[in-house]
Structure formats: structure tokens, C-alpha cells
């Protein structure tokens, strides 16, 4: 009797399990897909302190601007490089952090990063080429024309101090030192 009850219970469990599996497989409407849109918001400031908020929705190919209390939606165009969005009245173009917003063909907002290029050559003949982005407080360093080294500015008592996980650039004027993992790789 126990053997018969156990067999019936086992068969019932198998039948119930197989029925519920079939129901799930045959009903594709219960599946849900979540699509997340790639949205990025940045704020740009011009030389007069005016702010332009830009919210890029790359999935929909549009940008929403907030400028002087007005919300403006522009659609993406095909630029040769950089960005290009427009509507009947507005046009936004840019590359990197540099942007220009026009209304009816007239420039109403422009932002350009403060970029400074600087090169040094030391007594050993090594060259150090640097591109400072003073707006972002970053510098791109090239030692002897090699790989780009990206550094972020730190608060220095005087002079400059920029670093990343491996490299550190310190100095004042032409007296600069670049170290890698604590060892000097360039000194002037």
C-alpha cells in the first residue's frame, strides 16, 4: 500500500511539473523585456556665466536643451564629426566640449574649453608634450612622442600637480618632474 501511494504521489508530481512547464513555454506573453534608453545630461557654461543644460537621448536621436528658462528639443543630423542637432529655429553644433548654439542663424551661446599646449626638452634630449585643459583641470602628456598619459589636476600649494594611478606631474614654470610609480621618468 505504501509503495502504491508513493508511486501515485511521484506520478502526480511529474504530471503537475510537466504541465506547469508546458504552460510557461506556450505562453510567451508572460515574458517582459526592459529597454533602457541611453540618456546623458551635461551642463555647459559660457564665458559670461550663462548655463546651457543638454540632455542627449541617443536612442531617440534628440537632445533637449534648457537655456534661459526655455526648453528646446532638437533632432540629430549627420555631422562629418562631432555633434549636430537642429530644429526650424535652433541649431547646435560641437566637438568635444566645444559647442555653439544658434537661434535663427545667430549665435546665442558658445563654449570653448581653455586649452594650452606646452612642450619641454630636457638636457638628456627627452621631450615632454602636454595639452592642458584648464576648463576640466586635466592634462594629456606625451613622453618622447609615446602613448597618451591622462592626468587629473590636484590642488597644489603653488605650481602644478596632476596625477593618475601610475603617473604624477609636479612643478612650477619650466621646472617639471614626471614620475611613474614613484620613479622619475622626466625631469627638467
N, C-alpha and C. Protein backbone atom coordinates (compact mmCIF):
# COMPACT_ATOMS: atom_id res chain seq x y z
N UNK A 1 0.81 -1.18 0.00
CA UNK A 1 0.00 0.00 0.00
C UNK A 1 0.87 1.26 0.00
N UNK A 2 1.92 1.26 0.80
CA UNK A 2 2.82 2.40 0.86
C UNK A 2 3.50 2.59 -0.48
N UNK A 3 3.89 1.49 -1.12
CA UNK A 3 4.55 1.56 -2.42
C UNK A 3 3.61 2.16 -3.45
N UNK A 4 2.32 1.77 -3.42
CA UNK A 4 1.32 2.27 -4.36
C UNK A 4 1.09 3.77 -4.13
N UNK A 5 1.00 4.22 -2.89
CA UNK A 5 0.78 5.62 -2.57
C UNK A 5 1.98 6.46 -3.01
N UNK A 6 3.18 5.93 -2.78
CA UNK A 6 4.39 6.64 -3.18
C UNK A 6 4.46 6.76 -4.70
N UNK A 7 4.10 5.73 -5.43
CA UNK A 7 4.11 5.77 -6.88
C UNK A 7 3.11 6.79 -7.41
N UNK A 8 1.90 6.82 -6.85
CA UNK A 8 0.86 7.75 -7.27
C UNK A 8 1.32 9.19 -6.99
N UNK A 9 1.92 9.43 -5.82
CA UNK A 9 2.40 10.77 -5.48
C UNK A 9 3.50 11.21 -6.43
N UNK A 10 4.41 10.29 -6.76
CA UNK A 10 5.51 10.61 -7.67
C UNK A 10 4.99 10.90 -9.07
N UNK A 11 4.05 10.10 -9.57
CA UNK A 11 3.45 10.35 -10.89
C UNK A 11 2.69 11.68 -10.91
N UNK A 12 1.98 11.99 -9.84
CA UNK A 12 1.25 13.25 -9.76
C UNK A 12 2.21 14.44 -9.81
N UNK A 13 3.31 14.32 -9.09
CA UNK A 13 4.30 15.40 -9.08
C UNK A 13 4.90 15.60 -10.47
N UNK A 14 5.21 14.50 -11.16
CA UNK A 14 5.77 14.59 -12.51
C UNK A 14 4.76 15.22 -13.46
N UNK A 15 3.51 14.82 -13.40
CA UNK A 15 2.48 15.38 -14.27
C UNK A 15 2.28 16.86 -13.99
N UNK A 16 2.19 17.26 -12.72
CA UNK A 16 2.00 18.66 -12.37
C UNK A 16 3.18 19.51 -12.83
N UNK A 17 4.38 18.98 -12.64
CA UNK A 17 5.58 19.72 -13.04
C UNK A 17 5.62 19.88 -14.55
N UNK A 18 5.33 18.82 -15.29
CA UNK A 18 5.38 18.92 -16.75
C UNK A 18 4.27 19.82 -17.28
N UNK A 19 3.10 19.85 -16.63
CA UNK A 19 2.03 20.73 -17.07
C UNK A 19 2.41 22.19 -16.85
N UNK A 20 3.00 22.47 -15.70
CA UNK A 20 3.36 23.86 -15.46
C UNK A 20 4.49 24.31 -16.38
N UNK A 21 5.44 23.44 -16.75
CA UNK A 21 6.49 23.79 -17.69
C UNK A 21 5.92 24.08 -19.07
N UNK A 22 4.95 23.27 -19.52
CA UNK A 22 4.33 23.49 -20.82
C UNK A 22 3.59 24.81 -20.85
N UNK A 23 2.91 25.15 -19.76
CA UNK A 23 2.16 26.40 -19.72
C UNK A 23 3.10 27.59 -19.87
N UNK A 24 4.24 27.54 -19.20
CA UNK A 24 5.19 28.63 -19.29
C UNK A 24 5.76 28.74 -20.69
N UNK A 25 6.06 27.63 -21.32
CA UNK A 25 6.65 27.65 -22.65
C UNK A 25 5.65 28.09 -23.71
N UNK A 26 4.39 27.73 -23.53
CA UNK A 26 3.39 28.03 -24.55
C UNK A 26 2.83 29.45 -24.42
N UNK A 27 3.10 30.16 -23.33
CA UNK A 27 2.55 31.48 -23.13
C UNK A 27 3.67 32.53 -23.16
N UNK A 28 4.07 32.95 -24.37
CA UNK A 28 5.16 33.91 -24.47
C UNK A 28 4.78 35.31 -24.00
N UNK A 29 3.49 35.58 -23.79
CA UNK A 29 3.06 36.91 -23.38
C UNK A 29 3.49 37.24 -21.95
N UNK A 30 3.87 36.22 -21.17
CA UNK A 30 4.28 36.49 -19.81
C UNK A 30 5.71 37.03 -19.73
N UNK A 31 6.46 36.95 -20.81
CA UNK A 31 7.83 37.46 -20.83
C UNK A 31 7.80 38.98 -21.00
N UNK A 32 8.67 39.66 -20.26
CA UNK A 32 8.77 41.11 -20.42
C UNK A 32 10.21 41.47 -20.71
N UNK A 33 10.39 42.42 -21.60
CA UNK A 33 11.72 42.91 -21.92
C UNK A 33 11.82 44.36 -21.46
N UNK A 34 12.91 44.66 -20.81
CA UNK A 34 13.13 46.03 -20.35
C UNK A 34 14.15 46.68 -21.26
N UNK A 35 13.78 47.78 -21.86
CA UNK A 35 14.70 48.54 -22.71
C UNK A 35 15.08 49.81 -21.97
N UNK A 36 16.37 50.00 -21.80
CA UNK A 36 16.81 51.22 -21.15
C UNK A 36 17.40 52.14 -22.21
N UNK A 37 16.98 53.39 -22.16
CA UNK A 37 17.47 54.38 -23.11
C UNK A 37 18.78 54.95 -22.61
N UNK A 38 19.68 55.22 -23.52
CA UNK A 38 20.96 55.84 -23.17
C UNK A 38 20.72 57.34 -23.14
N UNK A 39 20.65 57.91 -21.93
CA UNK A 39 20.41 59.34 -21.75
C UNK A 39 21.56 59.90 -20.94
N UNK A 40 22.12 61.01 -21.41
CA UNK A 40 23.23 61.66 -20.72
C UNK A 40 22.94 63.14 -20.61
N UNK A 41 23.11 63.70 -19.42
CA UNK A 41 22.88 65.12 -19.20
C UNK A 41 24.18 65.79 -18.81
N UNK A 42 24.48 66.91 -19.47
CA UNK A 42 25.66 67.70 -19.13
C UNK A 42 25.24 69.16 -19.05
N UNK A 43 26.01 69.95 -18.34
CA UNK A 43 25.78 71.38 -18.25
C UNK A 43 27.03 72.09 -18.74
N UNK A 44 26.83 73.06 -19.61
CA UNK A 44 27.93 73.84 -20.16
C UNK A 44 27.73 75.29 -19.77
N UNK A 45 28.84 75.99 -19.52
CA UNK A 45 28.79 77.39 -19.09
C UNK A 45 29.62 78.22 -20.06
N UNK A 46 29.07 79.36 -20.50
CA UNK A 46 29.83 80.23 -21.41
C UNK A 46 30.68 81.21 -20.61
N UNK A 47 31.42 82.06 -21.30
CA UNK A 47 32.34 82.97 -20.62
C UNK A 47 31.62 84.04 -19.78
N UNK A 48 30.33 84.23 -20.01
CA UNK A 48 29.54 85.19 -19.23
C UNK A 48 28.80 84.54 -18.07
N UNK A 49 28.98 83.24 -17.89
CA UNK A 49 28.33 82.54 -16.79
C UNK A 49 26.96 81.98 -17.11
N UNK A 50 26.47 82.13 -18.35
CA UNK A 50 25.18 81.56 -18.73
C UNK A 50 25.31 80.04 -18.82
N UNK A 51 24.27 79.35 -18.35
CA UNK A 51 24.28 77.89 -18.36
C UNK A 51 23.38 77.34 -19.45
N UNK A 52 23.84 76.26 -20.07
CA UNK A 52 23.07 75.51 -21.05
C UNK A 52 23.08 74.07 -20.59
N UNK A 53 21.89 73.52 -20.28
CA UNK A 53 21.78 72.13 -19.90
C UNK A 53 21.39 71.32 -21.12
N UNK A 54 22.14 70.26 -21.38
CA UNK A 54 21.91 69.42 -22.55
C UNK A 54 21.62 68.00 -22.09
N UNK A 55 20.49 67.44 -22.51
CA UNK A 55 20.15 66.05 -22.21
C UNK A 55 20.07 65.30 -23.53
N UNK A 56 21.06 64.44 -23.76
CA UNK A 56 21.15 63.68 -25.01
C UNK A 56 20.42 62.36 -24.85
N UNK A 57 19.51 62.05 -25.77
CA UNK A 57 18.85 60.76 -25.84
C UNK A 57 19.28 60.13 -27.15
N UNK A 58 20.32 59.31 -27.08
CA UNK A 58 20.88 58.72 -28.29
C UNK A 58 19.97 57.68 -28.92
N UNK A 59 19.12 57.06 -28.11
CA UNK A 59 18.18 56.07 -28.64
C UNK A 59 17.18 56.74 -29.59
N UNK A 60 16.69 57.91 -29.19
CA UNK A 60 15.70 58.64 -29.99
C UNK A 60 16.34 59.64 -30.95
N UNK A 61 17.66 59.84 -30.85
CA UNK A 61 18.35 60.77 -31.75
C UNK A 61 17.93 62.21 -31.53
N UNK A 62 17.87 62.62 -30.26
CA UNK A 62 17.47 64.00 -29.98
C UNK A 62 18.22 64.52 -28.76
N UNK A 63 18.22 65.84 -28.62
CA UNK A 63 18.77 66.49 -27.45
C UNK A 63 17.74 67.48 -26.95
N UNK A 64 17.58 67.54 -25.63
CA UNK A 64 16.68 68.51 -25.01
C UNK A 64 17.56 69.53 -24.29
N UNK A 65 17.38 70.80 -24.65
CA UNK A 65 18.16 71.88 -24.08
C UNK A 65 17.30 72.69 -23.13
N UNK A 66 17.92 73.16 -22.06
CA UNK A 66 17.27 74.14 -21.19
C UNK A 66 18.22 75.34 -21.17
N UNK A 67 17.73 76.46 -21.73
CA UNK A 67 18.55 77.66 -21.85
C UNK A 67 17.70 78.88 -21.55
N UNK A 68 18.11 79.62 -20.55
CA UNK A 68 17.41 80.83 -20.12
C UNK A 68 15.92 80.58 -19.89
N UNK A 69 15.60 79.47 -19.20
CA UNK A 69 14.23 79.14 -18.85
C UNK A 69 13.41 78.49 -19.95
N UNK A 70 13.97 78.35 -21.14
CA UNK A 70 13.25 77.76 -22.27
C UNK A 70 13.71 76.32 -22.50
N UNK A 71 12.78 75.42 -22.77
CA UNK A 71 13.10 74.04 -23.11
C UNK A 71 13.01 73.88 -24.62
N UNK A 72 14.09 73.38 -25.22
CA UNK A 72 14.21 73.29 -26.67
C UNK A 72 14.55 71.84 -27.02
N UNK A 73 13.83 71.24 -27.96
CA UNK A 73 14.12 69.88 -28.41
C UNK A 73 14.63 69.94 -29.84
N UNK A 74 15.81 69.35 -30.06
CA UNK A 74 16.43 69.32 -31.39
C UNK A 74 16.64 67.88 -31.82
N UNK A 75 16.55 67.64 -33.11
CA UNK A 75 16.75 66.30 -33.65
C UNK A 75 18.14 66.18 -34.27
N UNK A 76 18.67 64.99 -34.22
CA UNK A 76 20.03 64.73 -34.69
C UNK A 76 20.13 64.80 -36.21
N UNK A 77 21.22 65.39 -36.66
CA UNK A 77 21.58 65.40 -38.08
C UNK A 77 22.84 64.55 -38.23
N UNK A 78 23.34 64.39 -39.44
CA UNK A 78 24.54 63.57 -39.67
C UNK A 78 25.75 64.48 -39.86
N UNK A 79 26.54 64.68 -38.78
CA UNK A 79 27.72 65.54 -38.91
C UNK A 79 28.90 64.76 -39.48
N UNK A 80 29.85 65.47 -40.06
CA UNK A 80 31.08 64.82 -40.50
C UNK A 80 31.84 64.32 -39.28
N UNK A 81 31.85 65.12 -38.22
CA UNK A 81 32.40 64.70 -36.92
C UNK A 81 31.77 65.59 -35.86
N UNK A 82 31.83 65.15 -34.61
CA UNK A 82 31.22 65.92 -33.53
C UNK A 82 29.72 65.70 -33.46
N UNK A 83 28.99 66.75 -33.05
CA UNK A 83 27.53 66.66 -32.93
C UNK A 83 26.87 67.74 -33.78
N UNK A 84 25.63 67.45 -34.20
CA UNK A 84 24.84 68.41 -34.96
C UNK A 84 23.38 68.07 -34.73
N UNK A 85 22.67 68.99 -34.10
CA UNK A 85 21.23 68.85 -33.85
C UNK A 85 20.56 70.12 -34.32
N UNK A 86 19.31 69.99 -34.80
CA UNK A 86 18.63 71.21 -35.23
C UNK A 86 17.12 71.06 -35.23
N UNK A 87 16.48 72.22 -35.30
CA UNK A 87 15.03 72.33 -35.50
C UNK A 87 14.85 73.46 -36.49
N UNK A 88 13.61 73.90 -36.68
CA UNK A 88 13.37 75.02 -37.61
C UNK A 88 14.04 76.30 -37.14
N UNK A 89 14.15 76.49 -35.83
CA UNK A 89 14.64 77.74 -35.28
C UNK A 89 16.05 77.65 -34.69
N UNK A 90 16.41 76.49 -34.15
CA UNK A 90 17.68 76.33 -33.43
C UNK A 90 18.61 75.35 -34.12
N UNK A 91 19.93 75.53 -33.85
CA UNK A 91 20.94 74.61 -34.36
C UNK A 91 22.05 74.51 -33.32
N UNK A 92 22.43 73.28 -32.99
CA UNK A 92 23.50 73.02 -32.02
C UNK A 92 24.58 72.21 -32.74
N UNK A 93 25.81 72.72 -32.69
CA UNK A 93 26.96 72.01 -33.27
C UNK A 93 28.07 71.99 -32.23
N UNK A 94 28.91 70.98 -32.33
CA UNK A 94 30.04 70.93 -31.41
C UNK A 94 30.93 69.73 -31.64
N UNK A 95 32.06 69.79 -30.95
CA UNK A 95 33.02 68.68 -30.97
C UNK A 95 33.73 68.70 -29.63
N UNK A 96 33.78 67.55 -28.98
CA UNK A 96 34.33 67.52 -27.63
C UNK A 96 33.44 68.34 -26.71
N UNK A 97 34.05 69.21 -25.93
CA UNK A 97 33.29 70.09 -25.03
C UNK A 97 32.94 71.42 -25.68
N UNK A 98 33.47 71.69 -26.86
CA UNK A 98 33.23 72.96 -27.54
C UNK A 98 31.90 72.90 -28.29
N UNK A 99 30.98 73.83 -27.96
CA UNK A 99 29.66 73.83 -28.60
C UNK A 99 29.24 75.24 -28.97
N UNK A 100 28.36 75.30 -29.97
CA UNK A 100 27.77 76.56 -30.41
C UNK A 100 26.27 76.33 -30.60
N UNK A 101 25.46 77.20 -29.98
CA UNK A 101 24.00 77.15 -30.15
C UNK A 101 23.58 78.40 -30.90
N UNK A 102 22.84 78.20 -32.00
CA UNK A 102 22.34 79.32 -32.79
C UNK A 102 20.82 79.33 -32.75
N UNK A 103 20.28 80.55 -32.77
CA UNK A 103 18.83 80.74 -32.89
C UNK A 103 18.61 81.63 -34.11
N UNK A 104 17.86 81.14 -35.08
CA UNK A 104 17.61 81.85 -36.33
C UNK A 104 18.91 82.33 -36.99
N UNK A 105 19.94 81.48 -36.92
CA UNK A 105 21.21 81.77 -37.56
C UNK A 105 22.18 82.61 -36.76
N UNK A 106 21.77 83.15 -35.62
CA UNK A 106 22.64 83.99 -34.78
C UNK A 106 23.11 83.20 -33.56
N UNK A 107 24.40 83.32 -33.24
CA UNK A 107 24.97 82.62 -32.09
C UNK A 107 24.41 83.22 -30.80
N UNK A 108 23.82 82.34 -29.95
CA UNK A 108 23.28 82.81 -28.67
C UNK A 108 24.03 82.18 -27.49
N UNK A 109 24.83 81.15 -27.75
CA UNK A 109 25.61 80.51 -26.70
C UNK A 109 26.81 79.84 -27.34
N UNK A 110 27.97 80.00 -26.70
CA UNK A 110 29.16 79.31 -27.19
C UNK A 110 30.03 78.93 -25.99
N UNK A 111 30.62 77.77 -26.06
CA UNK A 111 31.55 77.33 -25.02
C UNK A 111 32.76 76.71 -25.70
N UNK A 112 33.94 77.15 -25.29
CA UNK A 112 35.18 76.54 -25.74
C UNK A 112 36.04 76.31 -24.51
N UNK A 113 36.58 75.10 -24.41
CA UNK A 113 37.49 74.81 -23.30
C UNK A 113 38.75 75.64 -23.45
N UNK A 114 39.33 76.01 -22.31
CA UNK A 114 40.59 76.75 -22.25
C UNK A 114 41.72 75.72 -22.39
N UNK A 115 42.30 75.63 -23.60
CA UNK A 115 43.33 74.64 -23.92
C UNK A 115 44.67 75.34 -24.06
N UNK A 116 45.71 74.77 -23.42
CA UNK A 116 47.07 75.29 -23.54
C UNK A 116 47.99 74.13 -23.90
N UNK A 117 48.77 74.31 -24.98
CA UNK A 117 49.76 73.32 -25.41
C UNK A 117 51.13 73.79 -24.94
N UNK A 118 51.92 72.88 -24.38
CA UNK A 118 53.21 73.24 -23.84
C UNK A 118 54.19 72.10 -24.07
N UNK A 119 55.40 72.40 -24.51
CA UNK A 119 56.41 71.39 -24.77
C UNK A 119 57.71 71.76 -24.08
N UNK A 120 58.41 70.75 -23.57
CA UNK A 120 59.71 70.92 -22.94
C UNK A 120 60.68 69.88 -23.47
N UNK A 121 61.96 70.23 -23.48
CA UNK A 121 63.02 69.28 -23.81
C UNK A 121 64.07 69.41 -22.72
N UNK A 122 64.48 68.30 -22.10
CA UNK A 122 65.47 68.38 -21.03
C UNK A 122 66.88 68.15 -21.56
N UNK A 123 67.89 68.21 -20.66
CA UNK A 123 69.30 68.07 -21.06
C UNK A 123 69.60 66.71 -21.68
N UNK A 124 68.86 65.70 -21.28
CA UNK A 124 69.07 64.34 -21.81
C UNK A 124 68.46 64.16 -23.19
N UNK A 125 67.74 65.16 -23.68
CA UNK A 125 67.13 65.09 -25.01
C UNK A 125 65.71 64.54 -25.01
N UNK A 126 65.16 64.25 -23.83
CA UNK A 126 63.78 63.77 -23.75
C UNK A 126 62.84 64.94 -24.00
N UNK A 127 61.70 64.64 -24.62
CA UNK A 127 60.70 65.68 -24.84
C UNK A 127 59.45 65.33 -24.05
N UNK A 128 58.80 66.38 -23.57
CA UNK A 128 57.55 66.22 -22.83
C UNK A 128 56.55 67.19 -23.45
N UNK A 129 55.55 66.65 -24.15
CA UNK A 129 54.50 67.46 -24.77
C UNK A 129 53.25 67.33 -23.91
N UNK A 130 52.63 68.48 -23.62
CA UNK A 130 51.49 68.49 -22.71
C UNK A 130 50.37 69.34 -23.30
N UNK A 131 49.15 68.86 -23.16
CA UNK A 131 47.96 69.62 -23.55
C UNK A 131 47.10 69.76 -22.31
N UNK A 132 47.09 70.97 -21.76
CA UNK A 132 46.32 71.27 -20.56
C UNK A 132 44.92 71.72 -20.96
N UNK A 133 43.90 71.13 -20.34
CA UNK A 133 42.53 71.60 -20.47
C UNK A 133 42.19 72.25 -19.13
N UNK A 134 42.36 73.57 -19.08
CA UNK A 134 42.16 74.29 -17.83
C UNK A 134 40.70 74.32 -17.40
N UNK A 135 39.78 74.15 -18.34
CA UNK A 135 38.36 74.12 -18.01
C UNK A 135 38.03 72.86 -17.21
N UNK A 136 38.58 71.73 -17.65
CA UNK A 136 38.31 70.45 -16.99
C UNK A 136 39.34 70.08 -15.93
N UNK A 137 40.43 70.86 -15.84
CA UNK A 137 41.53 70.59 -14.93
C UNK A 137 42.16 69.23 -15.22
N UNK A 138 42.48 69.01 -16.50
CA UNK A 138 43.13 67.78 -16.93
C UNK A 138 44.32 68.12 -17.82
N UNK A 139 45.20 67.15 -18.01
CA UNK A 139 46.33 67.32 -18.92
C UNK A 139 46.60 65.98 -19.61
N UNK A 140 46.92 66.07 -20.90
CA UNK A 140 47.34 64.90 -21.68
C UNK A 140 48.83 65.06 -21.89
N UNK A 141 49.60 64.08 -21.47
CA UNK A 141 51.06 64.14 -21.51
C UNK A 141 51.58 63.07 -22.46
N UNK A 142 52.59 63.46 -23.25
CA UNK A 142 53.24 62.55 -24.19
C UNK A 142 54.73 62.62 -23.93
N UNK A 143 55.33 61.56 -23.41
CA UNK A 143 56.76 61.49 -23.15
C UNK A 143 57.45 60.92 -24.38
N UNK A 144 58.33 61.72 -24.98
CA UNK A 144 59.07 61.33 -26.19
C UNK A 144 58.13 60.86 -27.31
N UNK A 145 56.98 61.51 -27.43
CA UNK A 145 56.04 61.19 -28.50
C UNK A 145 55.34 59.86 -28.33
N UNK A 146 55.41 59.29 -27.14
CA UNK A 146 54.81 57.97 -26.88
C UNK A 146 53.33 58.04 -26.61
N UNK A 147 52.86 57.07 -25.84
CA UNK A 147 51.44 56.95 -25.52
C UNK A 147 50.91 58.16 -24.77
N UNK A 148 49.62 58.41 -24.94
CA UNK A 148 48.96 59.49 -24.21
C UNK A 148 48.78 59.08 -22.76
N UNK A 149 49.18 59.96 -21.85
CA UNK A 149 49.02 59.76 -20.42
C UNK A 149 48.01 60.80 -19.94
N UNK A 150 46.86 60.35 -19.44
CA UNK A 150 45.81 61.26 -18.97
C UNK A 150 45.95 61.49 -17.48
N UNK A 151 46.06 62.75 -17.09
CA UNK A 151 46.22 63.11 -15.69
C UNK A 151 45.13 64.09 -15.28
N UNK A 152 44.75 64.04 -14.01
CA UNK A 152 43.74 64.94 -13.45
C UNK A 152 44.43 65.87 -12.47
N UNK A 153 44.08 67.16 -12.54
CA UNK A 153 44.68 68.16 -11.67
C UNK A 153 44.29 67.97 -10.22
N UNK A 154 45.25 68.21 -9.35
CA UNK A 154 45.06 68.18 -7.91
C UNK A 154 45.31 69.58 -7.37
N UNK A 155 44.92 69.83 -6.14
CA UNK A 155 45.11 71.15 -5.53
C UNK A 155 46.56 71.24 -5.05
N UNK A 156 47.33 72.13 -5.66
CA UNK A 156 48.73 72.33 -5.30
C UNK A 156 48.88 73.64 -4.53
N UNK A 157 49.85 73.70 -3.62
CA UNK A 157 50.12 74.93 -2.89
C UNK A 157 50.55 76.02 -3.87
N UNK A 158 51.40 75.65 -4.82
CA UNK A 158 51.77 76.54 -5.92
C UNK A 158 52.26 75.67 -7.06
N UNK A 159 52.26 76.21 -8.27
CA UNK A 159 52.66 75.41 -9.43
C UNK A 159 51.57 74.44 -9.84
N UNK A 160 52.00 73.31 -10.42
CA UNK A 160 51.03 72.31 -10.87
C UNK A 160 51.27 70.97 -10.19
N UNK A 161 50.18 70.22 -10.10
CA UNK A 161 50.22 68.86 -9.57
C UNK A 161 49.08 68.11 -10.24
N UNK A 162 49.43 67.16 -11.10
CA UNK A 162 48.45 66.35 -11.81
C UNK A 162 48.85 64.89 -11.65
N UNK A 163 47.86 64.00 -11.60
CA UNK A 163 48.21 62.59 -11.39
C UNK A 163 47.11 61.65 -11.87
N UNK A 164 47.48 60.38 -11.96
CA UNK A 164 46.55 59.27 -12.13
C UNK A 164 47.08 58.14 -11.25
N UNK A 165 46.66 56.90 -11.48
CA UNK A 165 47.08 55.79 -10.62
C UNK A 165 48.58 55.50 -10.71
N UNK A 166 49.20 55.78 -11.88
CA UNK A 166 50.61 55.46 -12.08
C UNK A 166 51.52 56.68 -12.15
N UNK A 167 51.05 57.74 -12.77
CA UNK A 167 51.88 58.90 -13.08
C UNK A 167 51.54 60.09 -12.21
N UNK A 168 52.57 60.95 -12.03
CA UNK A 168 52.38 62.20 -11.30
C UNK A 168 53.26 63.27 -11.96
N UNK A 169 52.67 64.42 -12.24
CA UNK A 169 53.38 65.55 -12.83
C UNK A 169 53.34 66.68 -11.82
N UNK A 170 54.55 67.16 -11.42
CA UNK A 170 54.64 68.25 -10.44
C UNK A 170 55.65 69.27 -10.92
N UNK A 171 55.45 70.50 -10.53
CA UNK A 171 56.45 71.50 -10.83
C UNK A 171 55.89 72.90 -10.89
N UNK A 172 56.80 73.79 -11.30
CA UNK A 172 56.44 75.21 -11.41
C UNK A 172 57.25 75.78 -12.56
N UNK A 173 56.57 76.48 -13.47
CA UNK A 173 57.25 77.03 -14.64
C UNK A 173 57.84 75.92 -15.49
N UNK A 174 59.13 76.05 -15.85
CA UNK A 174 59.80 75.02 -16.65
C UNK A 174 60.39 73.90 -15.81
N UNK A 175 60.36 74.03 -14.49
CA UNK A 175 60.89 73.00 -13.60
C UNK A 175 59.80 71.97 -13.33
N UNK A 176 59.76 70.94 -14.18
CA UNK A 176 58.73 69.91 -14.07
C UNK A 176 59.37 68.55 -13.88
N UNK A 177 58.64 67.70 -13.16
CA UNK A 177 59.07 66.32 -12.97
C UNK A 177 57.88 65.40 -13.22
N UNK A 178 58.08 64.38 -14.06
CA UNK A 178 57.07 63.35 -14.30
C UNK A 178 57.59 62.06 -13.70
N UNK A 179 56.79 61.47 -12.81
CA UNK A 179 57.18 60.20 -12.19
C UNK A 179 56.17 59.12 -12.59
N UNK A 180 56.68 57.90 -12.64
CA UNK A 180 55.84 56.73 -12.89
C UNK A 180 56.09 55.76 -11.75
N UNK A 181 55.04 55.41 -11.03
CA UNK A 181 55.13 54.54 -9.86
C UNK A 181 56.24 55.01 -8.91
N UNK A 182 56.34 56.34 -8.72
CA UNK A 182 57.29 56.90 -7.78
C UNK A 182 58.70 57.11 -8.31
N UNK A 183 58.98 56.66 -9.53
CA UNK A 183 60.32 56.81 -10.12
C UNK A 183 60.29 57.90 -11.19
N UNK A 184 61.28 58.77 -11.18
CA UNK A 184 61.36 59.87 -12.14
C UNK A 184 61.61 59.34 -13.55
N UNK A 185 60.73 59.76 -14.50
CA UNK A 185 60.91 59.38 -15.91
C UNK A 185 61.22 60.58 -16.78
N UNK A 186 60.97 61.79 -16.25
CA UNK A 186 61.35 63.04 -16.95
C UNK A 186 61.56 64.11 -15.89
N UNK A 187 62.66 64.85 -16.08
CA UNK A 187 62.92 65.96 -15.18
C UNK A 187 63.56 67.07 -15.96
N UNK A 188 63.12 68.29 -15.72
CA UNK A 188 63.67 69.47 -16.38
C UNK A 188 64.02 70.51 -15.32
